Amino acid sequence: MTDEQIHQAALEDWLGVLAELWTAVGKPLDAERLKVYQKSLETIPLGLLELAVLRAIRENTYQLVPPPGALWAALRKELGDPQDVHAAIEAWCEERWGKIQWLRYRNDLP
């Protein structure tokens, strides 16, 4: 696989996780809204996005797709309510992937 194919496959996985929000509430996937979510959440790596989406689904009591802010709130809870969520994301990634791999991944973000 080329780097572009790997990037595209990873993006499809990442968007698939976001699409679970619509599936969980029985709503059709809205492509324009998905683009807004992608832009709002693009700095969240896949592993953390999965945790945030699962938490948001578990805590959602309405038949509405949780907005991006609810996902950021869920992510903060998953990370232990840090003051600086971006620093906490970096620490989480470095702990799991190592500094070098995290820097490579971060540089490949859209």
N, C-alpha and C. Protein backbone atom coordinates (compact mmCIF):
# COMPACT_ATOMS: atom_id res chain seq x y z
N MET A 1 0.83 -1.20 0.00
CA MET A 1 0.00 0.00 0.00
C MET A 1 0.87 1.26 0.00
N THR A 2 0.41 2.24 -0.70
CA THR A 2 1.12 3.52 -0.70
C THR A 2 0.75 4.29 0.57
N ASP A 3 1.51 5.33 0.87
CA ASP A 3 1.20 6.18 2.01
C ASP A 3 -0.19 6.79 1.88
N GLU A 4 -0.54 7.18 0.65
CA GLU A 4 -1.86 7.78 0.41
C GLU A 4 -2.97 6.77 0.69
N GLN A 5 -2.77 5.52 0.27
CA GLN A 5 -3.77 4.48 0.52
C GLN A 5 -3.91 4.19 2.01
N ILE A 6 -2.79 4.18 2.70
CA ILE A 6 -2.81 3.97 4.16
C ILE A 6 -3.55 5.11 4.84
N HIS A 7 -3.24 6.33 4.42
CA HIS A 7 -3.90 7.51 4.99
C HIS A 7 -5.40 7.45 4.72
N GLN A 8 -5.80 7.10 3.51
CA GLN A 8 -7.22 7.02 3.15
C GLN A 8 -7.93 5.94 3.97
N ALA A 9 -7.29 4.80 4.14
CA ALA A 9 -7.89 3.71 4.93
C ALA A 9 -8.05 4.13 6.38
N ALA A 10 -7.05 4.81 6.92
CA ALA A 10 -7.13 5.28 8.31
C ALA A 10 -8.23 6.32 8.46
N LEU A 11 -8.37 7.21 7.49
CA LEU A 11 -9.43 8.22 7.53
C LEU A 11 -10.80 7.55 7.47
N GLU A 12 -10.94 6.54 6.64
CA GLU A 12 -12.22 5.81 6.56
C GLU A 12 -12.55 5.15 7.90
N ASP A 13 -11.56 4.56 8.56
CA ASP A 13 -11.78 3.98 9.89
C ASP A 13 -12.22 5.05 10.87
N TRP A 14 -11.53 6.18 10.84
CA TRP A 14 -11.81 7.29 11.76
C TRP A 14 -13.23 7.81 11.54
N LEU A 15 -13.61 8.01 10.27
CA LEU A 15 -14.96 8.48 9.96
C LEU A 15 -16.00 7.43 10.30
N GLY A 16 -15.64 6.16 10.18
CA GLY A 16 -16.55 5.08 10.57
C GLY A 16 -16.89 5.13 12.05
N VAL A 17 -15.90 5.49 12.87
CA VAL A 17 -16.15 5.63 14.30
C VAL A 17 -17.14 6.77 14.53
N LEU A 18 -16.94 7.89 13.86
CA LEU A 18 -17.88 9.00 14.00
C LEU A 18 -19.28 8.61 13.54
N ALA A 19 -19.37 7.82 12.47
CA ALA A 19 -20.67 7.42 11.93
C ALA A 19 -21.47 6.60 12.94
N GLU A 20 -20.79 5.97 13.90
CA GLU A 20 -21.49 5.22 14.94
C GLU A 20 -22.45 6.10 15.74
N LEU A 21 -22.16 7.40 15.81
CA LEU A 21 -23.05 8.31 16.52
C LEU A 21 -24.43 8.35 15.89
N TRP A 22 -24.48 8.34 14.56
CA TRP A 22 -25.75 8.35 13.85
C TRP A 22 -26.45 7.00 13.99
N THR A 23 -25.67 5.92 13.88
CA THR A 23 -26.23 4.58 14.01
C THR A 23 -26.85 4.38 15.38
N ALA A 24 -26.20 4.88 16.41
CA ALA A 24 -26.67 4.68 17.78
C ALA A 24 -28.03 5.30 18.03
N VAL A 25 -28.34 6.37 17.34
CA VAL A 25 -29.64 7.03 17.55
C VAL A 25 -30.62 6.76 16.41
N GLY A 26 -30.22 5.88 15.49
CA GLY A 26 -31.12 5.50 14.41
C GLY A 26 -31.39 6.59 13.40
N LYS A 27 -30.41 7.44 13.19
CA LYS A 27 -30.56 8.54 12.22
C LYS A 27 -29.74 8.24 10.97
N PRO A 28 -30.18 8.71 9.81
CA PRO A 28 -29.36 8.54 8.61
C PRO A 28 -28.11 9.43 8.70
N LEU A 29 -27.03 8.92 8.16
CA LEU A 29 -25.77 9.67 8.16
C LEU A 29 -25.90 10.89 7.25
N ASP A 30 -25.54 12.04 7.77
CA ASP A 30 -25.60 13.30 7.04
C ASP A 30 -24.16 13.69 6.67
N ALA A 31 -23.83 13.61 5.38
CA ALA A 31 -22.45 13.84 4.92
C ALA A 31 -21.94 15.23 5.27
N GLU A 32 -22.78 16.24 5.12
CA GLU A 32 -22.33 17.61 5.44
C GLU A 32 -22.04 17.76 6.92
N ARG A 33 -22.91 17.19 7.73
CA ARG A 33 -22.70 17.26 9.17
C ARG A 33 -21.46 16.47 9.58
N LEU A 34 -21.24 15.33 8.93
CA LEU A 34 -20.05 14.53 9.20
C LEU A 34 -18.79 15.33 8.91
N LYS A 35 -18.80 16.13 7.85
CA LYS A 35 -17.64 16.99 7.53
C LYS A 35 -17.39 18.00 8.65
N VAL A 36 -18.46 18.56 9.21
CA VAL A 36 -18.31 19.50 10.33
C VAL A 36 -17.68 18.80 11.52
N TYR A 37 -18.15 17.58 11.82
CA TYR A 37 -17.59 16.81 12.92
C TYR A 37 -16.12 16.51 12.65
N GLN A 38 -15.81 16.13 11.41
CA GLN A 38 -14.42 15.82 11.06
C GLN A 38 -13.52 17.03 11.31
N LYS A 39 -13.96 18.18 10.88
CA LYS A 39 -13.16 19.40 11.07
C LYS A 39 -13.03 19.76 12.55
N SER A 40 -14.11 19.57 13.30
CA SER A 40 -14.12 19.93 14.72
C SER A 40 -13.29 18.99 15.58
N LEU A 41 -13.13 17.75 15.12
CA LEU A 41 -12.51 16.72 15.95
C LEU A 41 -11.23 16.14 15.35
N GLU A 42 -10.73 16.73 14.26
CA GLU A 42 -9.64 16.13 13.50
C GLU A 42 -8.34 15.92 14.27
N THR A 43 -8.15 16.58 15.38
CA THR A 43 -6.90 16.41 16.13
C THR A 43 -6.96 15.25 17.12
N ILE A 44 -8.10 14.58 17.17
CA ILE A 44 -8.25 13.44 18.10
C ILE A 44 -7.85 12.17 17.38
N PRO A 45 -6.85 11.44 17.88
CA PRO A 45 -6.44 10.20 17.24
C PRO A 45 -7.53 9.12 17.40
N LEU A 46 -7.49 8.14 16.52
CA LEU A 46 -8.52 7.11 16.44
C LEU A 46 -8.82 6.44 17.78
N GLY A 47 -7.80 6.01 18.50
CA GLY A 47 -8.03 5.32 19.78
C GLY A 47 -8.81 6.16 20.78
N LEU A 48 -8.46 7.42 20.88
CA LEU A 48 -9.19 8.32 21.79
C LEU A 48 -10.57 8.66 21.25
N LEU A 49 -10.69 8.79 19.94
CA LEU A 49 -12.01 9.05 19.36
C LEU A 49 -12.96 7.91 19.67
N GLU A 50 -12.46 6.68 19.56
CA GLU A 50 -13.30 5.51 19.88
C GLU A 50 -13.80 5.59 21.32
N LEU A 51 -12.91 5.93 22.25
CA LEU A 51 -13.31 6.03 23.65
C LEU A 51 -14.33 7.15 23.87
N ALA A 52 -14.10 8.29 23.24
CA ALA A 52 -15.01 9.43 23.39
C ALA A 52 -16.38 9.12 22.80
N VAL A 53 -16.41 8.49 21.63
CA VAL A 53 -17.69 8.15 20.99
C VAL A 53 -18.45 7.15 21.85
N LEU A 54 -17.77 6.13 22.35
CA LEU A 54 -18.45 5.15 23.21
C LEU A 54 -19.03 5.81 24.45
N ARG A 55 -18.27 6.68 25.08
CA ARG A 55 -18.76 7.38 26.26
C ARG A 55 -19.95 8.26 25.91
N ALA A 56 -19.85 8.99 24.82
CA ALA A 56 -20.94 9.88 24.40
C ALA A 56 -22.21 9.09 24.12
N ILE A 57 -22.06 7.94 23.49
CA ILE A 57 -23.22 7.09 23.22
C ILE A 57 -23.82 6.57 24.52
N ARG A 58 -22.98 6.12 25.43
CA ARG A 58 -23.47 5.61 26.72
C ARG A 58 -24.20 6.67 27.52
N GLU A 59 -23.72 7.91 27.45
CA GLU A 59 -24.29 8.97 28.27
C GLU A 59 -25.42 9.74 27.57
N ASN A 60 -25.64 9.46 26.31
CA ASN A 60 -26.67 10.16 25.54
C ASN A 60 -28.06 9.65 25.93
N THR A 61 -28.92 10.54 26.36
CA THR A 61 -30.27 10.13 26.77
C THR A 61 -31.35 10.58 25.79
N TYR A 62 -30.94 11.18 24.70
CA TYR A 62 -31.88 11.67 23.70
C TYR A 62 -31.62 10.99 22.37
N GLN A 63 -32.59 10.95 21.52
CA GLN A 63 -32.45 10.38 20.19
C GLN A 63 -31.85 11.42 19.23
N LEU A 64 -30.81 12.08 19.68
CA LEU A 64 -30.11 13.09 18.90
C LEU A 64 -28.64 12.71 18.81
N VAL A 65 -28.02 13.05 17.70
CA VAL A 65 -26.58 12.84 17.56
C VAL A 65 -25.88 13.86 18.47
N PRO A 66 -25.04 13.39 19.40
CA PRO A 66 -24.34 14.34 20.27
C PRO A 66 -23.49 15.31 19.45
N PRO A 67 -23.50 16.58 19.78
CA PRO A 67 -22.69 17.56 19.03
C PRO A 67 -21.19 17.40 19.35
N PRO A 68 -20.34 18.00 18.53
CA PRO A 68 -18.90 17.88 18.76
C PRO A 68 -18.48 18.27 20.19
N GLY A 69 -19.13 19.27 20.77
CA GLY A 69 -18.79 19.66 22.14
C GLY A 69 -19.00 18.54 23.14
N ALA A 70 -20.04 17.72 22.92
CA ALA A 70 -20.28 16.58 23.80
C ALA A 70 -19.18 15.53 23.66
N LEU A 71 -18.64 15.41 22.45
CA LEU A 71 -17.53 14.47 22.25
C LEU A 71 -16.26 14.98 22.91
N TRP A 72 -16.02 16.29 22.83
CA TRP A 72 -14.86 16.86 23.53
C TRP A 72 -15.01 16.67 25.04
N ALA A 73 -16.23 16.85 25.55
CA ALA A 73 -16.48 16.64 26.99
C ALA A 73 -16.24 15.18 27.37
N ALA A 74 -16.69 14.26 26.52
CA ALA A 74 -16.47 12.83 26.78
C ALA A 74 -14.98 12.51 26.74
N LEU A 75 -14.27 13.11 25.80
CA LEU A 75 -12.83 12.90 25.70
C LEU A 75 -12.12 13.40 26.96
N ARG A 76 -12.52 14.58 27.43
CA ARG A 76 -11.93 15.12 28.65
C ARG A 76 -12.12 14.15 29.82
N LYS A 77 -13.31 13.58 29.93
CA LYS A 77 -13.56 12.60 31.00
C LYS A 77 -12.66 11.39 30.85
N GLU A 78 -12.50 10.91 29.63
CA GLU A 78 -11.64 9.75 29.38
C GLU A 78 -10.19 10.04 29.77
N LEU A 79 -9.78 11.28 29.63
CA LEU A 79 -8.40 11.67 29.94
C LEU A 79 -8.23 12.14 31.38
N GLY A 80 -9.29 12.08 32.18
CA GLY A 80 -9.19 12.48 33.58
C GLY A 80 -9.40 13.96 33.82
N ASP A 81 -10.13 14.61 32.95
CA ASP A 81 -10.47 16.04 33.07
C ASP A 81 -9.24 16.95 33.16
N PRO A 82 -8.35 16.87 32.18
CA PRO A 82 -7.13 17.70 32.22
C PRO A 82 -7.44 19.17 31.94
N GLN A 83 -6.57 20.03 32.42
CA GLN A 83 -6.70 21.46 32.11
C GLN A 83 -6.40 21.72 30.65
N ASP A 84 -5.36 21.08 30.15
CA ASP A 84 -4.95 21.25 28.75
C ASP A 84 -5.20 19.94 28.02
N VAL A 85 -6.33 19.86 27.33
CA VAL A 85 -6.72 18.61 26.68
C VAL A 85 -5.75 18.22 25.56
N HIS A 86 -5.18 19.19 24.86
CA HIS A 86 -4.26 18.87 23.78
C HIS A 86 -2.95 18.29 24.32
N ALA A 87 -2.48 18.80 25.43
CA ALA A 87 -1.28 18.23 26.07
C ALA A 87 -1.58 16.82 26.57
N ALA A 88 -2.78 16.62 27.08
CA ALA A 88 -3.17 15.29 27.56
C ALA A 88 -3.28 14.29 26.40
N ILE A 89 -3.76 14.75 25.25
CA ILE A 89 -3.81 13.89 24.06
C ILE A 89 -2.40 13.49 23.66
N GLU A 90 -1.50 14.47 23.62
CA GLU A 90 -0.11 14.17 23.26
C GLU A 90 0.51 13.16 24.24
N ALA A 91 0.28 13.36 25.53
CA ALA A 91 0.83 12.45 26.54
C ALA A 91 0.25 11.04 26.37
N TRP A 92 -1.05 10.96 26.10
CA TRP A 92 -1.72 9.67 25.90
C TRP A 92 -1.09 8.95 24.70
N CYS A 93 -0.89 9.67 23.63
CA CYS A 93 -0.32 9.08 22.41
C CYS A 93 1.13 8.66 22.61
N GLU A 94 1.90 9.51 23.24
CA GLU A 94 3.31 9.18 23.48
C GLU A 94 3.43 7.95 24.37
N GLU A 95 2.55 7.85 25.36
CA GLU A 95 2.58 6.71 26.28
C GLU A 95 2.27 5.41 25.53
N ARG A 96 1.35 5.47 24.59
CA ARG A 96 0.94 4.26 23.88
C ARG A 96 1.79 3.96 22.65
N TRP A 97 2.25 4.98 21.96
CA TRP A 97 2.94 4.77 20.69
C TRP A 97 4.42 5.08 20.75
N GLY A 98 4.85 5.83 21.72
CA GLY A 98 6.22 6.31 21.75
C GLY A 98 6.33 7.65 21.04
N LYS A 99 7.27 8.43 21.42
CA LYS A 99 7.42 9.79 20.91
C LYS A 99 7.60 9.83 19.39
N ILE A 100 8.44 8.99 18.84
CA ILE A 100 8.74 9.04 17.41
C ILE A 100 7.51 8.71 16.58
N GLN A 101 6.81 7.63 16.92
CA GLN A 101 5.62 7.27 16.14
C GLN A 101 4.54 8.32 16.27
N TRP A 102 4.37 8.93 17.44
CA TRP A 102 3.36 9.96 17.61
C TRP A 102 3.68 11.17 16.74
N LEU A 103 4.95 11.56 16.68
CA LEU A 103 5.33 12.70 15.85
C LEU A 103 5.06 12.41 14.37
N ARG A 104 5.33 11.18 13.95
CA ARG A 104 5.04 10.80 12.56
C ARG A 104 3.55 10.88 12.29
N TYR A 105 2.74 10.34 13.20
CA TYR A 105 1.28 10.36 13.02
C TYR A 105 0.77 11.80 12.98
N ARG A 106 1.22 12.60 13.93
CA ARG A 106 0.75 13.99 14.03
C ARG A 106 1.06 14.77 12.76
N ASN A 107 2.19 14.50 12.18
CA ASN A 107 2.57 15.20 10.94
C ASN A 107 1.75 14.74 9.74
N ASP A 108 1.08 13.59 9.85
CA ASP A 108 0.25 13.07 8.76
C ASP A 108 -1.19 13.50 8.87
N LEU A 109 -1.56 14.23 9.93
CA LEU A 109 -2.95 14.64 10.10
C LEU A 109 -3.39 15.52 8.94
N PRO A 110 -4.70 15.47 8.62
CA PRO A 110 -5.19 16.30 7.50
C PRO A 110 -5.03 17.77 7.75
